[in-house]
């Protein structure tokens, strides 16, 4: 089931999944985290609303994608500034 009535959860799900892939991962991961939290808050305020699983998946994948890419960026910056 696709939670069409909970857009935050759906956006979080897709951005979280795409944050694992190489392009724009850091940005997508951050947005997936924000949207996932918003989707979970909306599900909590409206008990019958679908999208809880999508919000959790988006939140989890977004967090993993964001942290992984942040580590890569910090590593590259460390290598870059460590040479000087």
PDB file of N, CA and C in Angstrom:
ATOM      1  N   UNK A   1       0.831  -1.182   0.000  1.00  0.00           N
ATOM      2  CA  UNK A   1       0.000   0.000   0.000  1.00  0.00           C
ATOM      3  C   UNK A   1       0.878   1.249   0.000  1.00  0.00           C
ATOM      4  N   UNK A   2       0.562   2.163  -0.839  1.00  0.00           N
ATOM      5  CA  UNK A   2       1.278   3.430  -0.904  1.00  0.00           C
ATOM      6  C   UNK A   2       0.472   4.461  -0.114  1.00  0.00           C
ATOM      7  N   UNK A   3       1.109   5.093   0.894  1.00  0.00           N
ATOM      8  CA  UNK A   3       0.367   6.047   1.731  1.00  0.00           C
ATOM      9  C   UNK A   3       0.203   7.402   1.041  1.00  0.00           C
ATOM     10  N   UNK A   4      -0.730   7.486   0.131  1.00  0.00           N
ATOM     11  CA  UNK A   4      -0.912   8.725  -0.631  1.00  0.00           C
ATOM     12  C   UNK A   4      -1.431   9.866   0.230  1.00  0.00           C
ATOM     13  N   UNK A   5      -2.033   9.562   1.368  1.00  0.00           N
ATOM     14  CA  UNK A   5      -2.558  10.616   2.237  1.00  0.00           C
ATOM     15  C   UNK A   5      -1.496  11.155   3.193  1.00  0.00           C
ATOM     16  N   UNK A   6      -0.350  10.499   3.265  1.00  0.00           N
ATOM     17  CA  UNK A   6       0.737  10.955   4.137  1.00  0.00           C
ATOM     18  C   UNK A   6       1.949  11.227   3.250  1.00  0.00           C
ATOM     19  N   UNK A   7       1.974  12.400   2.656  1.00  0.00           N
ATOM     20  CA  UNK A   7       3.033  12.771   1.722  1.00  0.00           C
ATOM     21  C   UNK A   7       4.411  12.812   2.341  1.00  0.00           C
ATOM     22  N   UNK A   8       4.510  13.239   3.622  1.00  0.00           N
ATOM     23  CA  UNK A   8       5.806  13.302   4.279  1.00  0.00           C
ATOM     24  C   UNK A   8       6.443  11.921   4.375  1.00  0.00           C
ATOM     25  N   UNK A   9       5.640  10.922   4.727  1.00  0.00           N
ATOM     26  CA  UNK A   9       6.157   9.560   4.833  1.00  0.00           C
ATOM     27  C   UNK A   9       6.616   9.040   3.474  1.00  0.00           C
ATOM     28  N   UNK A  10       5.850   9.315   2.448  1.00  0.00           N
ATOM     29  CA  UNK A  10       6.189   8.848   1.103  1.00  0.00           C
ATOM     30  C   UNK A  10       7.448   9.533   0.580  1.00  0.00           C
ATOM     31  N   UNK A  11       7.565  10.839   0.784  1.00  0.00           N
ATOM     32  CA  UNK A  11       8.764  11.560   0.359  1.00  0.00           C
ATOM     33  C   UNK A  11       9.980  11.059   1.115  1.00  0.00           C
ATOM     34  N   UNK A  12       9.826  10.840   2.421  1.00  0.00           N
ATOM     35  CA  UNK A  12      10.921  10.326   3.230  1.00  0.00           C
ATOM     36  C   UNK A  12      11.379   8.961   2.737  1.00  0.00           C
ATOM     37  N   UNK A  13      10.433   8.109   2.392  1.00  0.00           N
ATOM     38  CA  UNK A  13      10.740   6.767   1.908  1.00  0.00           C
ATOM     39  C   UNK A  13      11.595   6.816   0.648  1.00  0.00           C
ATOM     40  N   UNK A  14      11.152   7.576  -0.344  1.00  0.00           N
ATOM     41  CA  UNK A  14      11.897   7.629  -1.600  1.00  0.00           C
ATOM     42  C   UNK A  14      13.233   8.343  -1.456  1.00  0.00           C
ATOM     43  N   UNK A  15      13.266   9.450  -0.738  1.00  0.00           N
ATOM     44  CA  UNK A  15      14.537  10.147  -0.549  1.00  0.00           C
ATOM     45  C   UNK A  15      15.506   9.325   0.288  1.00  0.00           C
ATOM     46  N   UNK A  16      14.979   8.610   1.270  1.00  0.00           N
ATOM     47  CA  UNK A  16      15.829   7.737   2.076  1.00  0.00           C
ATOM     48  C   UNK A  16      16.456   6.638   1.244  1.00  0.00           C
ATOM     49  N   UNK A  17      15.668   6.037   0.379  1.00  0.00           N
ATOM     50  CA  UNK A  17      16.216   4.999  -0.491  1.00  0.00           C
ATOM     51  C   UNK A  17      17.224   5.571  -1.480  1.00  0.00           C
ATOM     52  N   UNK A  18      16.916   6.728  -2.044  1.00  0.00           N
ATOM     53  CA  UNK A  18      17.829   7.342  -3.010  1.00  0.00           C
ATOM     54  C   UNK A  18      19.076   7.912  -2.350  1.00  0.00           C
ATOM     55  N   UNK A  19      19.029   8.164  -1.049  1.00  0.00           N
ATOM     56  CA  UNK A  19      20.209   8.709  -0.370  1.00  0.00           C
ATOM     57  C   UNK A  19      21.327   7.674  -0.284  1.00  0.00           C
ATOM     58  N   UNK A  20      21.006   6.425  -0.534  1.00  0.00           N
ATOM     59  CA  UNK A  20      22.020   5.374  -0.520  1.00  0.00           C
ATOM     60  C   UNK A  20      22.835   5.404  -1.812  1.00  0.00           C
ATOM     61  N   UNK A  21      22.260   5.915  -2.884  1.00  0.00           N
ATOM     62  CA  UNK A  21      22.945   5.967  -4.170  1.00  0.00           C
ATOM     63  C   UNK A  21      23.833   7.210  -4.269  1.00  0.00           C
ATOM     64  N   UNK A  22      24.794   7.237  -5.173  1.00  0.00           N
ATOM     65  CA  UNK A  22      25.848   8.242  -5.154  1.00  0.00           C
ATOM     66  C   UNK A  22      25.507   9.713  -5.394  1.00  0.00           C
ATOM     67  N   UNK A  23      24.439  10.073  -6.025  1.00  0.00           N
ATOM     68  CA  UNK A  23      24.239  11.463  -6.388  1.00  0.00           C
ATOM     69  C   UNK A  23      23.376  12.204  -5.371  1.00  0.00           C
ATOM     70  N   UNK A  24      23.869  13.310  -4.867  1.00  0.00           N
ATOM     71  CA  UNK A  24      23.156  14.182  -3.926  1.00  0.00           C
ATOM     72  C   UNK A  24      22.748  13.462  -2.643  1.00  0.00           C
ATOM     73  N   UNK A  25      23.543  12.513  -2.213  1.00  0.00           N
ATOM     74  CA  UNK A  25      23.166  11.688  -1.070  1.00  0.00           C
ATOM     75  C   UNK A  25      23.068  12.463   0.232  1.00  0.00           C
ATOM     76  N   UNK A  26      23.997  13.346   0.472  1.00  0.00           N
ATOM     77  CA  UNK A  26      24.014  14.072   1.733  1.00  0.00           C
ATOM     78  C   UNK A  26      22.752  14.907   1.891  1.00  0.00           C
ATOM     79  N   UNK A  27      22.388  15.628   0.846  1.00  0.00           N
ATOM     80  CA  UNK A  27      21.182  16.451   0.876  1.00  0.00           C
ATOM     81  C   UNK A  27      19.925  15.587   0.995  1.00  0.00           C
ATOM     82  N   UNK A  28      19.827  14.541   0.202  1.00  0.00           N
ATOM     83  CA  UNK A  28      18.641  13.687   0.227  1.00  0.00           C
ATOM     84  C   UNK A  28      18.478  12.993   1.571  1.00  0.00           C
ATOM     85  N   UNK A  29      19.590  12.586   2.165  1.00  0.00           N
ATOM     86  CA  UNK A  29      19.515  11.943   3.475  1.00  0.00           C
ATOM     87  C   UNK A  29      18.973  12.885   4.528  1.00  0.00           C
ATOM     88  N   UNK A  30      19.430  14.133   4.507  1.00  0.00           N
ATOM     89  CA  UNK A  30      18.955  15.121   5.478  1.00  0.00           C
ATOM     90  C   UNK A  30      17.464  15.395   5.301  1.00  0.00           C
ATOM     91  N   UNK A  31      17.022  15.541   4.061  1.00  0.00           N
ATOM     92  CA  UNK A  31      15.600  15.797   3.804  1.00  0.00           C
ATOM     93  C   UNK A  31      14.768  14.574   4.187  1.00  0.00           C
ATOM     94  N   UNK A  32      15.284  13.374   3.931  1.00  0.00           N
ATOM     95  CA  UNK A  32      14.561  12.152   4.297  1.00  0.00           C
ATOM     96  C   UNK A  32      14.370  12.059   5.807  1.00  0.00           C
ATOM     97  N   UNK A  33      15.376  12.480   6.564  1.00  0.00           N
ATOM     98  CA  UNK A  33      15.267  12.460   8.024  1.00  0.00           C
ATOM     99  C   UNK A  33      14.183  13.431   8.487  1.00  0.00           C
ATOM    100  N   UNK A  34      14.199  14.637   7.949  1.00  0.00           N
ATOM    101  CA  UNK A  34      13.212  15.650   8.336  1.00  0.00           C
ATOM    102  C   UNK A  34      11.799  15.202   7.953  1.00  0.00           C
ATOM    103  N   UNK A  35      11.649  14.718   6.733  1.00  0.00           N
ATOM    104  CA  UNK A  35      10.323  14.281   6.268  1.00  0.00           C
ATOM    105  C   UNK A  35       9.854  13.026   7.012  1.00  0.00           C
ATOM    106  N   UNK A  36      10.765  12.128   7.335  1.00  0.00           N
ATOM    107  CA  UNK A  36      10.401  10.928   8.088  1.00  0.00           C
ATOM    108  C   UNK A  36       9.861  11.266   9.464  1.00  0.00           C
ATOM    109  N   UNK A  37      10.520  12.205  10.135  1.00  0.00           N
ATOM    110  CA  UNK A  37      10.029  12.641  11.450  1.00  0.00           C
ATOM    111  C   UNK A  37       8.665  13.306  11.320  1.00  0.00           C
ATOM    112  N   UNK A  38       8.492  14.123  10.280  1.00  0.00           N
ATOM    113  CA  UNK A  38       7.196  14.776  10.062  1.00  0.00           C
ATOM    114  C   UNK A  38       6.113  13.744   9.758  1.00  0.00           C
ATOM    115  N   UNK A  39       6.465  12.733   8.981  1.00  0.00           N
ATOM    116  CA  UNK A  39       5.499  11.675   8.667  1.00  0.00           C
ATOM    117  C   UNK A  39       5.086  10.888   9.894  1.00  0.00           C
ATOM    118  N   UNK A  40       6.050  10.598  10.781  1.00  0.00           N
ATOM    119  CA  UNK A  40       5.734   9.880  12.016  1.00  0.00           C
ATOM    120  C   UNK A  40       4.877  10.728  12.954  1.00  0.00           C
ATOM    121  N   UNK A  41       5.148  12.015  13.015  1.00  0.00           N
ATOM    122  CA  UNK A  41       4.324  12.904  13.848  1.00  0.00           C
ATOM    123  C   UNK A  41       2.897  12.960  13.323  1.00  0.00           C
ATOM    124  N   UNK A  42       2.773  12.965  12.008  1.00  0.00           N
ATOM    125  CA  UNK A  42       1.438  13.022  11.418  1.00  0.00           C
ATOM    126  C   UNK A  42       0.675  11.734  11.687  1.00  0.00           C
ATOM    127  N   UNK A  43       1.352  10.593  11.614  1.00  0.00           N
ATOM    128  CA  UNK A  43       0.706   9.310  11.910  1.00  0.00           C
ATOM    129  C   UNK A  43       0.293   9.272  13.383  1.00  0.00           C
ATOM    130  N   UNK A  44       1.137   9.822  14.256  1.00  0.00           N
ATOM    131  CA  UNK A  44       0.810   9.835  15.680  1.00  0.00           C
ATOM    132  C   UNK A  44      -0.400  10.727  15.968  1.00  0.00           C
ATOM    133  N   UNK A  45      -0.538  11.821  15.227  1.00  0.00           N
ATOM    134  CA  UNK A  45      -1.662  12.728  15.471  1.00  0.00           C
ATOM    135  C   UNK A  45      -2.958  12.252  14.812  1.00  0.00           C
ATOM    136  N   UNK A  46      -2.837  11.430  13.769  1.00  0.00           N
ATOM    137  CA  UNK A  46      -4.013  10.879  13.085  1.00  0.00           C
ATOM    138  C   UNK A  46      -3.885   9.352  13.069  1.00  0.00           C
ATOM    139  N   UNK A  47      -4.395   8.670  14.093  1.00  0.00           N
ATOM    140  CA  UNK A  47      -4.149   7.229  14.268  1.00  0.00           C
ATOM    141  C   UNK A  47      -4.472   6.327  13.082  1.00  0.00           C
ATOM    142  N   UNK A  48      -5.438   6.609  12.268  1.00  0.00           N
ATOM    143  CA  UNK A  48      -5.798   5.734  11.145  1.00  0.00           C
ATOM    144  C   UNK A  48      -5.000   5.990   9.877  1.00  0.00           C
ATOM    145  N   UNK A  49      -4.121   6.970   9.903  1.00  0.00           N
ATOM    146  CA  UNK A  49      -3.387   7.374   8.702  1.00  0.00           C
ATOM    147  C   UNK A  49      -2.287   6.365   8.371  1.00  0.00           C
ATOM    148  N   UNK A  50      -2.195   5.916   7.124  1.00  0.00           N
ATOM    149  CA  UNK A  50      -1.128   4.982   6.755  1.00  0.00           C
ATOM    150  C   UNK A  50       0.197   5.709   6.551  1.00  0.00           C
ATOM    151  N   UNK A  51       1.267   4.945   6.458  1.00  0.00           N
ATOM    152  CA  UNK A  51       2.563   5.518   6.130  1.00  0.00           C
ATOM    153  C   UNK A  51       3.612   5.374   7.213  1.00  0.00           C
ATOM    154  N   UNK A  52       3.285   4.711   8.296  1.00  0.00           N
ATOM    155  CA  UNK A  52       4.239   4.576   9.398  1.00  0.00           C
ATOM    156  C   UNK A  52       5.481   3.804   8.963  1.00  0.00           C
ATOM    157  N   UNK A  53       5.292   2.724   8.256  1.00  0.00           N
ATOM    158  CA  UNK A  53       6.431   1.918   7.796  1.00  0.00           C
ATOM    159  C   UNK A  53       7.267   2.683   6.783  1.00  0.00           C
ATOM    160  N   UNK A  54       6.623   3.383   5.881  1.00  0.00           N
ATOM    161  CA  UNK A  54       7.364   4.183   4.897  1.00  0.00           C
ATOM    162  C   UNK A  54       8.191   5.261   5.599  1.00  0.00           C
ATOM    163  N   UNK A  55       7.618   5.879   6.617  1.00  0.00           N
ATOM    164  CA  UNK A  55       8.347   6.914   7.351  1.00  0.00           C
ATOM    165  C   UNK A  55       9.553   6.315   8.068  1.00  0.00           C
ATOM    166  N   UNK A  56       9.382   5.142   8.679  1.00  0.00           N
ATOM    167  CA  UNK A  56      10.504   4.487   9.359  1.00  0.00           C
ATOM    168  C   UNK A  56      11.611   4.079   8.384  1.00  0.00           C
ATOM    169  N   UNK A  57      11.217   3.530   7.238  1.00  0.00           N
ATOM    170  CA  UNK A  57      12.215   3.128   6.241  1.00  0.00           C
ATOM    171  C   UNK A  57      12.952   4.356   5.714  1.00  0.00           C
ATOM    172  N   UNK A  58      12.218   5.422   5.411  1.00  0.00           N
ATOM    173  CA  UNK A  58      12.850   6.651   4.949  1.00  0.00           C
ATOM    174  C   UNK A  58      13.762   7.254   5.986  1.00  0.00           C
ATOM    175  N   UNK A  59      13.343   7.233   7.235  1.00  0.00           N
ATOM    176  CA  UNK A  59      14.153   7.754   8.325  1.00  0.00           C
ATOM    177  C   UNK A  59      15.425   6.931   8.507  1.00  0.00           C
ATOM    178  N   UNK A  60      15.289   5.624   8.475  1.00  0.00           N
ATOM    179  CA  UNK A  60      16.460   4.750   8.631  1.00  0.00           C
ATOM    180  C   UNK A  60      17.442   4.849   7.480  1.00  0.00           C
ATOM    181  N   UNK A  61      16.938   4.731   6.264  1.00  0.00           N
ATOM    182  CA  UNK A  61      17.818   4.815   5.093  1.00  0.00           C
ATOM    183  C   UNK A  61      18.414   6.213   4.951  1.00  0.00           C
ATOM    184  N   UNK A  62      17.621   7.224   5.247  1.00  0.00           N
ATOM    185  CA  UNK A  62      18.127   8.589   5.181  1.00  0.00           C
ATOM    186  C   UNK A  62      19.246   8.826   6.184  1.00  0.00           C
ATOM    187  N   UNK A  63      19.092   8.286   7.383  1.00  0.00           N
ATOM    188  CA  UNK A  63      20.125   8.432   8.407  1.00  0.00           C
ATOM    189  C   UNK A  63      21.404   7.715   7.997  1.00  0.00           C
ATOM    190  N   UNK A  64      21.271   6.490   7.512  1.00  0.00           N
ATOM    191  CA  UNK A  64      22.446   5.731   7.070  1.00  0.00           C
ATOM    192  C   UNK A  64      23.123   6.435   5.897  1.00  0.00           C
ATOM    193  N   UNK A  65      22.336   6.847   4.918  1.00  0.00           N
ATOM    194  CA  UNK A  65      22.897   7.544   3.762  1.00  0.00           C
ATOM    195  C   UNK A  65      23.568   8.850   4.148  1.00  0.00           C
ATOM    196  N   UNK A  66      22.929   9.616   5.035  1.00  0.00           N
ATOM    197  CA  UNK A  66      23.492  10.890   5.464  1.00  0.00           C
ATOM    198  C   UNK A  66      24.802  10.684   6.223  1.00  0.00           C
ATOM    199  N   UNK A  67      24.810   9.777   7.183  1.00  0.00           N
ATOM    200  CA  UNK A  67      26.022   9.563   7.980  1.00  0.00           C
ATOM    201  C   UNK A  67      27.167   9.000   7.146  1.00  0.00           C
ATOM    202  N   UNK A  68      26.853   8.091   6.246  1.00  0.00           N
ATOM    203  CA  UNK A  68      27.881   7.510   5.385  1.00  0.00           C
ATOM    204  C   UNK A  68      28.511   8.586   4.504  1.00  0.00           C
ATOM    205  N   UNK A  69      27.665   9.417   3.909  1.00  0.00           N
ATOM    206  CA  UNK A  69      28.180  10.470   3.031  1.00  0.00           C
ATOM    207  C   UNK A  69      28.872  11.575   3.800  1.00  0.00           C
ATOM    208  N   UNK A  70      28.414  11.860   5.008  1.00  0.00           N
ATOM    209  CA  UNK A  70      29.099  12.831   5.848  1.00  0.00           C
ATOM    210  C   UNK A  70      30.500  12.333   6.187  1.00  0.00           C
ATOM    211  N   UNK A  71      30.617  11.045   6.471  1.00  0.00           N
ATOM    212  CA  UNK A  71      31.933  10.463   6.749  1.00  0.00           C
ATOM    213  C   UNK A  71      32.845  10.576   5.530  1.00  0.00           C
ATOM    214  N   UNK A  72      32.313  10.335   4.366  1.00  0.00           N
ATOM    215  CA  UNK A  72      33.112  10.455   3.138  1.00  0.00           C
ATOM    216  C   UNK A  72      33.576  11.897   2.937  1.00  0.00           C
ATOM    217  N   UNK A  73      32.664  12.851   3.102  1.00  0.00           N
ATOM    218  CA  UNK A  73      33.023  14.265   2.936  1.00  0.00           C
ATOM    219  C   UNK A  73      34.083  14.675   3.955  1.00  0.00           C
ATOM    220  N   UNK A  74      33.908  14.278   5.213  1.00  0.00           N
ATOM    221  CA  UNK A  74      34.890  14.616   6.244  1.00  0.00           C
ATOM    222  C   UNK A  74      36.241  13.960   5.971  1.00  0.00           C
ATOM    223  N   UNK A  75      36.230  12.740   5.477  1.00  0.00           N
ATOM    224  CA  UNK A  75      37.468  12.049   5.133  1.00  0.00           C
ATOM    225  C   UNK A  75      38.200  12.776   4.001  1.00  0.00           C
ATOM    226  N   UNK A  76      37.460  13.173   2.982  1.00  0.00           N
ATOM    227  CA  UNK A  76      38.065  13.903   1.863  1.00  0.00           C
ATOM    228  C   UNK A  76      38.623  15.239   2.343  1.00  0.00           C
ATOM    229  N   UNK A  77      37.871  15.943   3.187  1.00  0.00           N
ATOM    230  CA  UNK A  77      38.362  17.204   3.729  1.00  0.00           C
ATOM    231  C   UNK A  77      39.602  16.993   4.596  1.00  0.00           C
ATOM    232  N   UNK A  78      39.617  15.916   5.368  1.00  0.00           N
ATOM    233  CA  UNK A  78      40.779  15.598   6.189  1.00  0.00           C
ATOM    234  C   UNK A  78      41.999  15.337   5.314  1.00  0.00           C
ATOM    235  N   UNK A  79      41.801  14.585   4.242  1.00  0.00           N
ATOM    236  CA  UNK A  79      42.919  14.328   3.321  1.00  0.00           C
ATOM    237  C   UNK A  79      43.373  15.606   2.638  1.00  0.00           C
ATOM    238  N   UNK A  80      42.436  16.435   2.250  1.00  0.00           N
ATOM    239  CA  UNK A  80      42.758  17.668   1.539  1.00  0.00           C
ATOM    240  C   UNK A  80      43.540  18.626   2.435  1.00  0.00           C
ATOM    241  N   UNK A  81      43.025  18.883   3.620  1.00  0.00           N
ATOM    242  CA  UNK A  81      43.671  19.834   4.520  1.00  0.00           C
ATOM    243  C   UNK A  81      44.843  19.228   5.291  1.00  0.00           C
ATOM    244  N   UNK A  82      44.916  17.920   5.330  1.00  0.00           N
ATOM    245  CA  UNK A  82      46.027  17.247   5.997  1.00  0.00           C
ATOM    246  C   UNK A  82      47.311  17.333   5.203  1.00  0.00           C
ATOM    247  N   UNK A  83      47.192  17.589   3.914  1.00  0.00           N
ATOM    248  CA  UNK A  83      48.396  17.689   3.056  1.00  0.00           C
ATOM    249  C   UNK A  83      49.097  19.021   3.215  1.00  0.00           C
ATOM    250  N   UNK A  84      48.411  20.028   3.682  1.00  0.00           N
ATOM    251  CA  UNK A  84      48.973  21.382   3.723  1.00  0.00           C
ATOM    252  C   UNK A  84      49.600  21.677   5.052  1.00  0.00           C
TER     253      UNK A  84
END
